């Protein structure tokens, strides 16, 4: 009987099966917490790397830096900033400007406070927990109203940042033969599984049915 050889990529794929901290790029294993590629020739080399103090420290650092997704942060009840502050946060999110730019002593915060004195600008933590989630859900509702019960198309773009975290952009649009379909960036999220990210976003979009 002919002998079948297993490719290196297939073999290494077995090594990292079920490992959320590693991914395979060709024949190279990428360590997400360390943000580095390794060309391990043997599985024992992979196991040795997993036991290093550097790898353990990077896993701890990655866990500490994980932020809650907006879909995991329902708008808080109680008093919330209104008017100008809500509009400011909405514009910054739409233009992909980090809310951190409104932190203490930043040029943007000084500029806003100089020309807007009728309402104090809350701290960044307040903006993230009380204003940003409400803006997020308003966008979701707008997308739902535009799509309604129509068929949709879905496009996914996935990349990895320097910390090894996966960025998944899920774009949805309404299928229509009358005019060009308008699309919406429904969600930008970190997730190790594209399929899970897609399911989560569609479940969020079609919440309640």
N, C-alpha and C. Protein backbone atom coordinates (compact mmCIF):
# COMPACT_ATOMS: atom_id res chain seq x y z
N UNK A 1 0.84 -1.20 0.00
CA UNK A 1 0.00 0.00 0.00
C UNK A 1 0.88 1.25 0.00
N UNK A 2 0.45 2.30 -0.72
CA UNK A 2 1.24 3.53 -0.75
C UNK A 2 1.21 4.22 0.60
N UNK A 3 2.33 4.85 0.94
CA UNK A 3 2.41 5.57 2.21
C UNK A 3 1.95 7.01 2.02
N UNK A 4 1.16 7.45 2.95
CA UNK A 4 0.64 8.81 2.91
C UNK A 4 1.40 9.66 3.92
N UNK A 5 1.92 10.76 3.46
CA UNK A 5 2.65 11.67 4.34
C UNK A 5 1.75 12.83 4.76
N UNK A 6 1.88 13.21 6.00
CA UNK A 6 1.09 14.32 6.53
C UNK A 6 1.89 15.60 6.38
N UNK A 7 1.28 16.62 5.82
CA UNK A 7 1.97 17.89 5.62
C UNK A 7 2.29 18.53 6.97
N UNK A 8 3.29 19.40 6.97
CA UNK A 8 3.67 20.08 8.21
C UNK A 8 2.54 20.95 8.74
N UNK A 9 1.83 21.62 7.83
CA UNK A 9 0.74 22.48 8.27
C UNK A 9 -0.37 21.67 8.92
N UNK A 10 -0.69 20.50 8.35
CA UNK A 10 -1.73 19.65 8.93
C UNK A 10 -1.29 19.13 10.30
N UNK A 11 -0.01 18.79 10.41
CA UNK A 11 0.50 18.29 11.68
C UNK A 11 0.46 19.37 12.75
N UNK A 12 0.88 20.57 12.39
CA UNK A 12 0.89 21.67 13.35
C UNK A 12 -0.52 22.11 13.71
N UNK A 13 -1.44 21.93 12.78
CA UNK A 13 -2.83 22.26 13.07
C UNK A 13 -3.37 21.35 14.17
N UNK A 14 -2.92 20.11 14.19
CA UNK A 14 -3.32 19.19 15.25
C UNK A 14 -2.71 19.62 16.58
N UNK A 15 -1.49 20.14 16.53
CA UNK A 15 -0.83 20.56 17.77
C UNK A 15 -1.63 21.64 18.49
N UNK A 16 -2.20 22.57 17.72
CA UNK A 16 -2.87 23.72 18.33
C UNK A 16 -4.39 23.58 18.36
N UNK A 17 -4.87 22.38 18.04
CA UNK A 17 -6.32 22.16 18.06
C UNK A 17 -6.87 22.44 19.45
N UNK A 18 -7.87 23.30 19.53
CA UNK A 18 -8.47 23.66 20.81
C UNK A 18 -7.71 24.72 21.58
N UNK A 19 -6.62 25.22 21.02
CA UNK A 19 -5.81 26.26 21.68
C UNK A 19 -6.25 27.63 21.17
N UNK A 20 -6.88 28.42 22.01
CA UNK A 20 -7.36 29.74 21.59
C UNK A 20 -6.23 30.76 21.49
N UNK A 21 -5.07 30.45 22.10
CA UNK A 21 -3.96 31.41 22.10
C UNK A 21 -3.03 31.25 20.90
N UNK A 22 -3.31 30.27 20.04
CA UNK A 22 -2.44 30.03 18.90
C UNK A 22 -3.25 29.91 17.62
N UNK A 23 -2.65 30.35 16.53
CA UNK A 23 -3.26 30.18 15.21
C UNK A 23 -2.16 29.78 14.23
N UNK A 24 -2.57 29.22 13.10
CA UNK A 24 -1.62 28.72 12.12
C UNK A 24 -1.65 29.60 10.88
N UNK A 25 -0.49 30.07 10.48
CA UNK A 25 -0.35 30.87 9.27
C UNK A 25 0.64 30.16 8.35
N UNK A 26 0.10 29.38 7.42
CA UNK A 26 0.95 28.55 6.58
C UNK A 26 1.52 27.42 7.40
N UNK A 27 2.83 27.39 7.56
CA UNK A 27 3.48 26.40 8.41
C UNK A 27 4.03 27.04 9.68
N UNK A 28 3.66 28.28 9.91
CA UNK A 28 4.16 29.03 11.07
C UNK A 28 3.07 29.15 12.12
N UNK A 29 3.41 28.91 13.37
CA UNK A 29 2.47 29.04 14.47
C UNK A 29 2.57 30.45 15.05
N UNK A 30 1.44 31.11 15.14
CA UNK A 30 1.40 32.47 15.68
C UNK A 30 0.87 32.43 17.10
N UNK A 31 1.65 32.97 18.03
CA UNK A 31 1.24 33.05 19.43
C UNK A 31 0.57 34.40 19.65
N UNK A 32 -0.72 34.40 19.93
CA UNK A 32 -1.47 35.64 20.06
C UNK A 32 -1.06 36.47 21.27
N UNK A 33 -0.92 35.88 22.46
CA UNK A 33 -0.51 36.70 23.61
C UNK A 33 0.87 37.33 23.43
N UNK A 34 1.81 36.60 22.81
CA UNK A 34 3.17 37.12 22.63
C UNK A 34 3.29 37.98 21.39
N UNK A 35 2.33 37.83 20.45
CA UNK A 35 2.38 38.61 19.22
C UNK A 35 3.55 38.24 18.33
N UNK A 36 3.97 36.97 18.36
CA UNK A 36 5.13 36.53 17.58
C UNK A 36 4.80 35.24 16.82
N UNK A 37 5.56 35.03 15.73
CA UNK A 37 5.46 33.81 14.96
C UNK A 37 6.61 32.88 15.32
N UNK A 38 6.31 31.58 15.38
CA UNK A 38 7.32 30.59 15.72
C UNK A 38 7.26 29.45 14.70
N UNK A 39 8.42 29.02 14.26
CA UNK A 39 8.50 27.91 13.31
C UNK A 39 8.92 26.65 14.07
N UNK A 40 8.05 26.18 14.96
CA UNK A 40 8.35 24.99 15.75
C UNK A 40 8.39 23.76 14.83
N UNK A 41 9.41 22.94 15.02
CA UNK A 41 9.53 21.71 14.24
C UNK A 41 8.99 20.52 15.01
N UNK A 42 8.91 20.65 16.32
CA UNK A 42 8.40 19.57 17.15
C UNK A 42 7.37 20.11 18.13
N UNK A 43 6.45 19.25 18.52
CA UNK A 43 5.40 19.67 19.44
C UNK A 43 5.98 20.04 20.80
N UNK A 44 7.07 19.37 21.19
CA UNK A 44 7.66 19.65 22.50
C UNK A 44 8.16 21.09 22.57
N UNK A 45 8.56 21.66 21.42
CA UNK A 45 8.99 23.06 21.41
C UNK A 45 7.81 23.99 21.71
N UNK A 46 6.65 23.63 21.18
CA UNK A 46 5.44 24.40 21.47
C UNK A 46 5.09 24.31 22.95
N UNK A 47 5.18 23.10 23.50
CA UNK A 47 4.86 22.91 24.92
C UNK A 47 5.83 23.68 25.81
N UNK A 48 7.10 23.71 25.41
CA UNK A 48 8.09 24.46 26.18
C UNK A 48 7.80 25.96 26.16
N UNK A 49 7.38 26.45 25.00
CA UNK A 49 7.04 27.88 24.91
C UNK A 49 5.86 28.22 25.81
N UNK A 50 4.88 27.35 25.87
CA UNK A 50 3.69 27.59 26.69
C UNK A 50 4.03 27.66 28.18
N UNK A 51 5.16 27.06 28.56
CA UNK A 51 5.54 27.03 29.98
C UNK A 51 6.49 28.17 30.35
N UNK A 52 6.88 28.98 29.38
CA UNK A 52 7.82 30.07 29.69
C UNK A 52 7.13 31.17 30.48
N UNK A 53 7.92 31.88 31.27
CA UNK A 53 7.36 32.97 32.08
C UNK A 53 6.90 34.14 31.20
N UNK A 54 7.56 34.34 30.07
CA UNK A 54 7.17 35.42 29.17
C UNK A 54 5.78 35.17 28.60
N UNK A 55 5.53 33.93 28.18
CA UNK A 55 4.22 33.58 27.63
C UNK A 55 3.13 33.74 28.70
N UNK A 56 3.41 33.26 29.91
CA UNK A 56 2.43 33.37 30.99
C UNK A 56 2.14 34.83 31.32
N UNK A 57 3.19 35.66 31.33
CA UNK A 57 3.00 37.08 31.63
C UNK A 57 2.17 37.77 30.54
N UNK A 58 2.39 37.39 29.29
CA UNK A 58 1.63 37.99 28.19
C UNK A 58 0.17 37.58 28.22
N UNK A 59 -0.10 36.35 28.64
CA UNK A 59 -1.49 35.91 28.80
C UNK A 59 -2.18 36.73 29.88
N UNK A 60 -1.48 36.95 30.99
CA UNK A 60 -2.04 37.75 32.08
C UNK A 60 -2.29 39.18 31.63
N UNK A 61 -1.34 39.74 30.89
CA UNK A 61 -1.47 41.11 30.39
C UNK A 61 -2.64 41.22 29.42
N UNK A 62 -2.80 40.22 28.57
CA UNK A 62 -3.89 40.23 27.60
C UNK A 62 -5.24 40.17 28.30
N UNK A 63 -5.32 39.38 29.37
CA UNK A 63 -6.57 39.28 30.12
C UNK A 63 -6.93 40.58 30.81
N UNK A 64 -5.91 41.28 31.32
CA UNK A 64 -6.16 42.54 32.01
C UNK A 64 -6.60 43.63 31.05
N UNK A 65 -6.16 43.56 29.79
CA UNK A 65 -6.46 44.61 28.82
C UNK A 65 -7.78 44.38 28.10
N UNK A 66 -8.41 43.23 28.30
CA UNK A 66 -9.65 42.95 27.59
C UNK A 66 -10.74 43.91 28.04
N UNK A 67 -11.37 44.56 27.08
CA UNK A 67 -12.46 45.48 27.37
C UNK A 67 -13.79 44.80 27.08
N UNK A 68 -14.81 45.16 27.83
CA UNK A 68 -16.14 44.64 27.55
C UNK A 68 -16.64 45.24 26.25
N UNK A 69 -17.29 44.40 25.46
CA UNK A 69 -17.87 44.89 24.22
C UNK A 69 -19.09 45.74 24.52
N UNK A 70 -19.41 46.66 23.61
CA UNK A 70 -20.56 47.52 23.83
C UNK A 70 -21.84 46.72 23.94
N UNK A 71 -21.92 45.60 23.20
CA UNK A 71 -23.12 44.77 23.27
C UNK A 71 -23.25 44.08 24.62
N UNK A 72 -22.14 44.02 25.39
CA UNK A 72 -22.17 43.44 26.72
C UNK A 72 -22.46 44.49 27.79
N UNK A 73 -22.59 45.74 27.39
CA UNK A 73 -22.78 46.85 28.32
C UNK A 73 -24.09 47.56 28.02
N UNK A 74 -25.21 47.06 28.51
CA UNK A 74 -26.46 47.77 28.27
C UNK A 74 -26.43 49.14 28.91
N UNK A 75 -27.12 50.11 28.33
CA UNK A 75 -27.10 51.47 28.88
C UNK A 75 -27.51 51.48 30.34
N UNK A 76 -26.77 52.19 31.15
CA UNK A 76 -27.08 52.28 32.57
C UNK A 76 -28.25 53.22 32.79
N UNK A 77 -29.03 52.89 33.80
CA UNK A 77 -30.15 53.75 34.15
C UNK A 77 -29.66 54.87 35.04
N UNK A 78 -30.49 55.85 35.26
CA UNK A 78 -30.09 56.97 36.09
C UNK A 78 -29.67 58.16 35.25
N UNK A 79 -29.09 59.12 35.92
CA UNK A 79 -28.71 60.36 35.26
C UNK A 79 -27.56 60.13 34.29
N UNK A 80 -27.71 60.63 33.07
CA UNK A 80 -26.69 60.50 32.05
C UNK A 80 -26.42 61.86 31.45
N UNK A 81 -25.19 62.09 30.98
CA UNK A 81 -24.92 63.34 30.28
C UNK A 81 -25.83 63.45 29.07
N UNK A 82 -26.23 64.66 28.73
CA UNK A 82 -27.16 64.84 27.62
C UNK A 82 -26.69 65.95 26.71
N UNK A 83 -27.44 66.16 25.64
CA UNK A 83 -27.16 67.27 24.75
C UNK A 83 -25.81 67.19 24.08
N UNK A 84 -25.01 68.19 24.32
CA UNK A 84 -23.73 68.33 23.65
C UNK A 84 -22.82 67.13 23.87
N UNK A 85 -22.77 66.61 25.10
CA UNK A 85 -21.88 65.49 25.40
C UNK A 85 -22.27 64.25 24.60
N UNK A 86 -23.57 63.96 24.53
CA UNK A 86 -24.03 62.81 23.74
C UNK A 86 -23.68 62.97 22.27
N UNK A 87 -23.89 64.17 21.74
CA UNK A 87 -23.56 64.42 20.33
C UNK A 87 -22.06 64.31 20.09
N UNK A 88 -21.28 64.80 21.05
CA UNK A 88 -19.82 64.74 20.92
C UNK A 88 -19.33 63.30 20.86
N UNK A 89 -19.84 62.47 21.77
CA UNK A 89 -19.44 61.06 21.79
C UNK A 89 -19.88 60.35 20.51
N UNK A 90 -21.10 60.64 20.05
CA UNK A 90 -21.60 60.01 18.83
C UNK A 90 -20.72 60.34 17.63
N UNK A 91 -20.32 61.60 17.52
CA UNK A 91 -19.46 62.01 16.40
C UNK A 91 -18.09 61.35 16.50
N UNK A 92 -17.54 61.29 17.70
CA UNK A 92 -16.22 60.68 17.86
C UNK A 92 -16.24 59.20 17.50
N UNK A 93 -17.30 58.50 17.89
CA UNK A 93 -17.41 57.09 17.55
C UNK A 93 -17.59 56.89 16.05
N UNK A 94 -18.40 57.75 15.42
CA UNK A 94 -18.62 57.64 13.98
C UNK A 94 -17.35 57.90 13.19
N UNK A 95 -16.51 58.79 13.70
CA UNK A 95 -15.27 59.14 13.00
C UNK A 95 -14.07 58.32 13.49
N UNK A 96 -14.34 57.29 14.30
CA UNK A 96 -13.28 56.40 14.81
C UNK A 96 -12.22 57.15 15.61
N UNK A 97 -12.67 58.13 16.39
CA UNK A 97 -11.76 58.87 17.27
C UNK A 97 -11.86 58.25 18.67
N UNK A 98 -10.79 57.75 19.25
CA UNK A 98 -10.85 57.12 20.57
C UNK A 98 -11.36 58.09 21.63
N UNK A 99 -12.22 57.60 22.51
CA UNK A 99 -12.71 58.45 23.60
C UNK A 99 -11.59 58.84 24.54
N UNK A 100 -10.49 58.10 24.51
CA UNK A 100 -9.33 58.43 25.34
C UNK A 100 -8.79 59.82 25.02
N UNK A 101 -9.11 60.32 23.82
CA UNK A 101 -8.67 61.66 23.43
C UNK A 101 -9.32 62.74 24.30
N UNK A 102 -10.39 62.37 25.02
CA UNK A 102 -11.05 63.32 25.92
C UNK A 102 -10.58 63.17 27.36
N UNK A 103 -9.50 62.44 27.55
CA UNK A 103 -8.97 62.26 28.89
C UNK A 103 -8.39 63.58 29.41
N UNK A 104 -8.03 63.59 30.67
CA UNK A 104 -7.55 64.82 31.31
C UNK A 104 -6.32 65.38 30.60
N UNK A 105 -6.30 66.69 30.48
CA UNK A 105 -5.14 67.43 29.98
C UNK A 105 -4.81 67.17 28.51
N UNK A 106 -5.70 66.52 27.76
CA UNK A 106 -5.43 66.34 26.33
C UNK A 106 -5.82 67.60 25.57
N UNK A 107 -5.18 67.89 24.44
CA UNK A 107 -5.51 69.10 23.67
C UNK A 107 -6.97 69.15 23.26
N UNK A 108 -7.55 68.01 22.89
CA UNK A 108 -8.95 68.00 22.47
C UNK A 108 -9.88 68.38 23.61
N UNK A 109 -9.63 67.84 24.79
CA UNK A 109 -10.47 68.18 25.94
C UNK A 109 -10.36 69.66 26.29
N UNK A 110 -9.14 70.20 26.26
CA UNK A 110 -8.95 71.62 26.56
C UNK A 110 -9.68 72.49 25.54
N UNK A 111 -9.65 72.07 24.28
CA UNK A 111 -10.33 72.84 23.23
C UNK A 111 -11.84 72.84 23.45
N UNK A 112 -12.39 71.64 23.74
CA UNK A 112 -13.84 71.54 23.96
C UNK A 112 -14.26 72.35 25.17
N UNK A 113 -13.52 72.23 26.26
CA UNK A 113 -13.88 72.95 27.48
C UNK A 113 -13.73 74.47 27.32
N UNK A 114 -12.82 74.89 26.43
CA UNK A 114 -12.61 76.32 26.21
C UNK A 114 -13.82 76.95 25.52
N UNK A 115 -14.39 76.25 24.55
CA UNK A 115 -15.48 76.82 23.77
C UNK A 115 -16.86 76.29 24.16
N UNK A 116 -16.91 75.39 25.14
CA UNK A 116 -18.20 74.89 25.61
C UNK A 116 -18.17 74.88 27.12
N UNK A 117 -18.72 75.90 27.73
CA UNK A 117 -18.65 76.06 29.18
C UNK A 117 -19.97 75.76 29.87
N UNK A 118 -21.05 75.57 29.10
CA UNK A 118 -22.36 75.38 29.72
C UNK A 118 -22.56 73.98 30.27
N UNK A 119 -21.74 73.04 29.88
CA UNK A 119 -21.89 71.66 30.37
C UNK A 119 -20.51 71.04 30.54
N UNK A 120 -20.26 70.48 31.71
CA UNK A 120 -18.96 69.87 31.99
C UNK A 120 -18.80 68.56 31.21
N UNK A 121 -17.58 68.29 30.77
CA UNK A 121 -17.29 67.05 30.07
C UNK A 121 -16.94 65.98 31.10
N UNK A 122 -17.73 64.90 31.19
CA UNK A 122 -17.44 63.85 32.17
C UNK A 122 -16.11 63.16 31.86
N UNK A 123 -15.66 62.34 32.80
CA UNK A 123 -14.43 61.58 32.59
C UNK A 123 -14.67 60.50 31.54
N UNK A 124 -13.58 59.96 31.02
CA UNK A 124 -13.68 58.97 29.94
C UNK A 124 -14.44 57.73 30.40
N UNK A 125 -14.26 57.32 31.65
CA UNK A 125 -14.95 56.14 32.16
C UNK A 125 -16.46 56.34 32.11
N UNK A 126 -16.93 57.52 32.48
CA UNK A 126 -18.36 57.82 32.42
C UNK A 126 -18.86 57.81 30.98
N UNK A 127 -18.08 58.36 30.07
CA UNK A 127 -18.48 58.37 28.66
C UNK A 127 -18.61 56.96 28.12
N UNK A 128 -17.71 56.08 28.53
CA UNK A 128 -17.73 54.71 28.03
C UNK A 128 -18.88 53.90 28.60
N UNK A 129 -19.21 54.13 29.87
CA UNK A 129 -20.22 53.30 30.53
C UNK A 129 -21.64 53.84 30.40
N UNK A 130 -21.79 55.16 30.23
CA UNK A 130 -23.12 55.74 30.23
C UNK A 130 -23.55 56.33 28.89
N UNK A 131 -22.60 56.73 28.08
CA UNK A 131 -22.95 57.39 26.82
C UNK A 131 -22.73 56.48 25.62
N UNK A 132 -21.55 55.87 25.53
CA UNK A 132 -21.21 55.04 24.37
C UNK A 132 -22.18 53.88 24.15
N UNK A 133 -22.57 53.11 25.20
CA UNK A 133 -23.51 52.01 24.97
C UNK A 133 -24.84 52.48 24.39
N UNK A 134 -25.34 53.61 24.86
CA UNK A 134 -26.61 54.13 24.34
C UNK A 134 -26.47 54.50 22.87
N UNK A 135 -25.34 55.09 22.50
CA UNK A 135 -25.10 55.43 21.09
C UNK A 135 -25.02 54.16 20.25
N UNK A 136 -24.38 53.14 20.79
CA UNK A 136 -24.27 51.86 20.07
C UNK A 136 -25.65 51.27 19.79
N UNK A 137 -26.50 51.24 20.79
CA UNK A 137 -27.82 50.65 20.60
C UNK A 137 -28.69 51.50 19.67
N UNK A 138 -28.48 52.79 19.63
CA UNK A 138 -29.20 53.63 18.67
C UNK A 138 -28.82 53.27 17.24
N UNK A 139 -27.54 52.99 17.01
CA UNK A 139 -27.09 52.59 15.68
C UNK A 139 -27.69 51.24 15.30
N UNK A 140 -27.72 50.30 16.24
CA UNK A 140 -28.31 48.99 15.98
C UNK A 140 -29.78 49.13 15.60
N UNK A 141 -30.51 49.97 16.32
CA UNK A 141 -31.92 50.18 16.01
C UNK A 141 -32.10 50.80 14.63
N UNK A 142 -31.21 51.70 14.26
CA UNK A 142 -31.29 52.32 12.94
C UNK A 142 -31.08 51.29 11.84
N UNK A 143 -30.11 50.39 12.04
CA UNK A 143 -29.85 49.33 11.06
C UNK A 143 -31.06 48.41 10.96
N UNK A 144 -31.66 48.07 12.10
CA UNK A 144 -32.85 47.21 12.09
C UNK A 144 -33.99 47.85 11.31
N UNK A 145 -34.19 49.15 11.52
CA UNK A 145 -35.27 49.85 10.81
C UNK A 145 -35.03 49.87 9.31
N UNK A 146 -33.77 50.00 8.89
CA UNK A 146 -33.45 50.05 7.47
C UNK A 146 -33.60 48.68 6.81
N UNK A 147 -33.21 47.64 7.52
CA UNK A 147 -33.25 46.29 6.94
C UNK A 147 -34.64 45.68 7.03
N UNK A 148 -35.32 45.88 8.15
CA UNK A 148 -36.65 45.31 8.40
C UNK A 148 -36.61 43.80 8.20
N UNK A 149 -37.53 43.27 7.36
CA UNK A 149 -37.58 41.82 7.12
C UNK A 149 -36.99 41.44 5.78
N UNK A 150 -36.24 42.34 5.17
CA UNK A 150 -35.68 42.08 3.84
C UNK A 150 -34.49 41.12 3.92
N UNK A 151 -34.22 40.44 2.81
CA UNK A 151 -33.00 39.61 2.75
C UNK A 151 -31.77 40.52 2.89
N UNK A 152 -30.72 39.98 3.42
CA UNK A 152 -29.51 40.77 3.62
C UNK A 152 -28.30 40.07 3.03
N UNK A 153 -27.26 40.84 2.80
CA UNK A 153 -25.96 40.26 2.47
C UNK A 153 -25.02 40.59 3.61
N UNK A 154 -24.02 39.76 3.77
CA UNK A 154 -23.11 39.90 4.90
C UNK A 154 -21.67 39.72 4.42
N UNK A 155 -20.79 40.60 4.85
CA UNK A 155 -19.38 40.52 4.49
C UNK A 155 -18.54 40.58 5.76
N UNK A 156 -17.48 39.81 5.79
CA UNK A 156 -16.64 39.73 6.99
C UNK A 156 -15.18 40.01 6.62
N UNK A 157 -14.56 40.86 7.40
CA UNK A 157 -13.13 41.15 7.23
C UNK A 157 -12.45 40.92 8.57
N UNK A 158 -11.43 40.08 8.57
CA UNK A 158 -10.77 39.71 9.82
C UNK A 158 -9.28 40.00 9.74
N UNK A 159 -8.75 40.56 10.82
CA UNK A 159 -7.32 40.82 10.89
C UNK A 159 -6.85 40.62 12.32
N UNK A 160 -5.58 40.77 12.57
CA UNK A 160 -5.00 40.58 13.90
C UNK A 160 -4.17 41.79 14.27
N UNK A 161 -4.38 42.31 15.48
CA UNK A 161 -3.60 43.47 15.90
C UNK A 161 -2.26 43.03 16.47
N UNK A 162 -1.47 43.99 16.93
CA UNK A 162 -0.10 43.68 17.38
C UNK A 162 -0.07 42.86 18.66
N UNK A 163 -1.20 42.80 19.37
CA UNK A 163 -1.27 41.98 20.58
C UNK A 163 -1.81 40.59 20.30
N UNK A 164 -2.08 40.32 19.02
CA UNK A 164 -2.58 39.00 18.66
C UNK A 164 -4.08 38.86 18.81
N UNK A 165 -4.79 39.94 19.04
CA UNK A 165 -6.24 39.88 19.18
C UNK A 165 -6.88 40.00 17.80
N UNK A 166 -7.87 39.19 17.56
CA UNK A 166 -8.53 39.19 16.26
C UNK A 166 -9.58 40.28 16.18
N UNK A 167 -9.53 41.06 15.11
CA UNK A 167 -10.52 42.09 14.83
C UNK A 167 -11.42 41.58 13.72
N UNK A 168 -12.72 41.51 13.99
CA UNK A 168 -13.67 41.02 13.00
C UNK A 168 -14.67 42.13 12.69
N UNK A 169 -14.64 42.63 11.46
CA UNK A 169 -15.60 43.62 11.01
C UNK A 169 -16.72 42.91 10.27
N UNK A 170 -17.94 43.00 10.79
CA UNK A 170 -19.10 42.39 10.15
C UNK A 170 -19.93 43.49 9.51
N UNK A 171 -20.07 43.44 8.19
CA UNK A 171 -20.82 44.45 7.45
C UNK A 171 -22.07 43.81 6.89
N UNK A 172 -23.22 44.43 7.13
CA UNK A 172 -24.48 43.92 6.61
C UNK A 172 -25.12 44.97 5.72
N UNK A 173 -25.86 44.52 4.74
CA UNK A 173 -26.56 45.42 3.83
C UNK A 173 -27.86 44.80 3.37
N UNK A 174 -28.76 45.63 2.94
CA UNK A 174 -30.07 45.18 2.47
C UNK A 174 -30.00 44.83 1.00
N UNK A 175 -30.43 43.60 0.66
CA UNK A 175 -30.45 43.18 -0.74
C UNK A 175 -31.60 43.87 -1.47
N UNK A 176 -31.27 44.56 -2.54
CA UNK A 176 -32.29 45.26 -3.30
C UNK A 176 -31.86 45.33 -4.76
N UNK A 177 -32.78 45.01 -5.67
CA UNK A 177 -32.47 45.06 -7.09
C UNK A 177 -32.74 46.41 -7.71
N UNK A 178 -33.32 47.33 -6.96
CA UNK A 178 -33.70 48.63 -7.51
C UNK A 178 -32.54 49.62 -7.48
N UNK A 179 -31.70 49.53 -6.46
CA UNK A 179 -30.61 50.48 -6.35
C UNK A 179 -29.45 49.83 -5.62
N UNK A 180 -28.34 50.51 -5.61
CA UNK A 180 -27.17 49.98 -4.92
C UNK A 180 -27.46 49.80 -3.44
N UNK A 181 -27.02 48.69 -2.92
CA UNK A 181 -27.30 48.39 -1.51
C UNK A 181 -26.46 49.27 -0.60
N UNK A 182 -27.12 49.86 0.39
CA UNK A 182 -26.40 50.63 1.40
C UNK A 182 -25.93 49.67 2.48
N UNK A 183 -24.69 49.81 2.88
CA UNK A 183 -24.17 48.88 3.87
C UNK A 183 -23.87 49.60 5.17
N UNK A 184 -23.80 48.84 6.23
CA UNK A 184 -23.53 49.38 7.56
C UNK A 184 -22.47 48.53 8.23
N UNK A 185 -21.51 49.20 8.86
CA UNK A 185 -20.53 48.49 9.68
C UNK A 185 -21.23 48.17 11.00
N UNK A 186 -21.72 46.93 11.09
CA UNK A 186 -22.58 46.58 12.21
C UNK A 186 -21.78 46.41 13.50
N UNK A 187 -20.55 45.94 13.36
CA UNK A 187 -19.82 45.70 14.60
C UNK A 187 -18.34 45.55 14.32
N UNK A 188 -17.55 46.09 15.21
CA UNK A 188 -16.10 45.84 15.17
C UNK A 188 -15.74 45.24 16.51
N UNK A 189 -15.25 44.02 16.55
CA UNK A 189 -15.09 43.32 17.80
C UNK A 189 -13.86 42.45 17.80
N UNK A 190 -13.41 42.06 18.95
CA UNK A 190 -12.31 41.14 19.08
C UNK A 190 -12.89 39.76 19.34
N UNK A 191 -12.46 38.80 18.54
CA UNK A 191 -12.97 37.45 18.74
C UNK A 191 -12.02 36.46 18.10
N UNK A 192 -11.82 35.32 18.73
CA UNK A 192 -10.92 34.32 18.19
C UNK A 192 -11.60 33.44 17.15
N UNK A 193 -12.89 33.49 17.07
CA UNK A 193 -13.60 32.65 16.11
C UNK A 193 -14.50 33.53 15.25
N UNK A 194 -14.19 33.57 13.95
CA UNK A 194 -14.99 34.39 13.03
C UNK A 194 -16.44 33.95 13.04
N UNK A 195 -16.66 32.65 13.00
CA UNK A 195 -18.03 32.14 12.93
C UNK A 195 -18.83 32.58 14.15
N UNK A 196 -18.20 32.54 15.31
CA UNK A 196 -18.89 32.95 16.53
C UNK A 196 -19.22 34.44 16.49
N UNK A 197 -18.28 35.23 15.95
CA UNK A 197 -18.52 36.67 15.85
C UNK A 197 -19.70 36.96 14.93
N UNK A 198 -19.77 36.24 13.80
CA UNK A 198 -20.88 36.46 12.86
C UNK A 198 -22.20 36.10 13.51
N UNK A 199 -22.24 34.94 14.18
CA UNK A 199 -23.49 34.51 14.84
C UNK A 199 -23.91 35.51 15.91
N UNK A 200 -22.95 35.98 16.69
CA UNK A 200 -23.27 36.94 17.75
C UNK A 200 -23.84 38.23 17.18
N UNK A 201 -23.25 38.72 16.08
CA UNK A 201 -23.70 39.98 15.49
C UNK A 201 -25.08 39.85 14.87
N UNK A 202 -25.32 38.72 14.19
CA UNK A 202 -26.64 38.53 13.58
C UNK A 202 -27.70 38.33 14.66
N UNK A 203 -27.34 37.65 15.75
CA UNK A 203 -28.29 37.49 16.86
C UNK A 203 -28.60 38.84 17.49
N UNK A 204 -27.60 39.71 17.58
CA UNK A 204 -27.81 41.06 18.12
C UNK A 204 -28.71 41.86 17.19
N UNK A 205 -28.47 41.72 15.89
CA UNK A 205 -29.25 42.47 14.91
C UNK A 205 -30.70 42.02 14.89
N UNK A 206 -30.90 40.71 15.02
CA UNK A 206 -32.26 40.16 14.97
C UNK A 206 -32.72 39.72 16.35
N UNK A 207 -32.40 40.49 17.36
CA UNK A 207 -32.81 40.16 18.73
C UNK A 207 -34.32 40.10 18.82
N UNK A 208 -34.79 39.05 19.47
CA UNK A 208 -36.23 38.90 19.65
C UNK A 208 -36.93 38.28 18.47
N UNK A 209 -36.19 37.62 17.59
CA UNK A 209 -36.85 36.96 16.46
C UNK A 209 -36.08 37.09 15.19
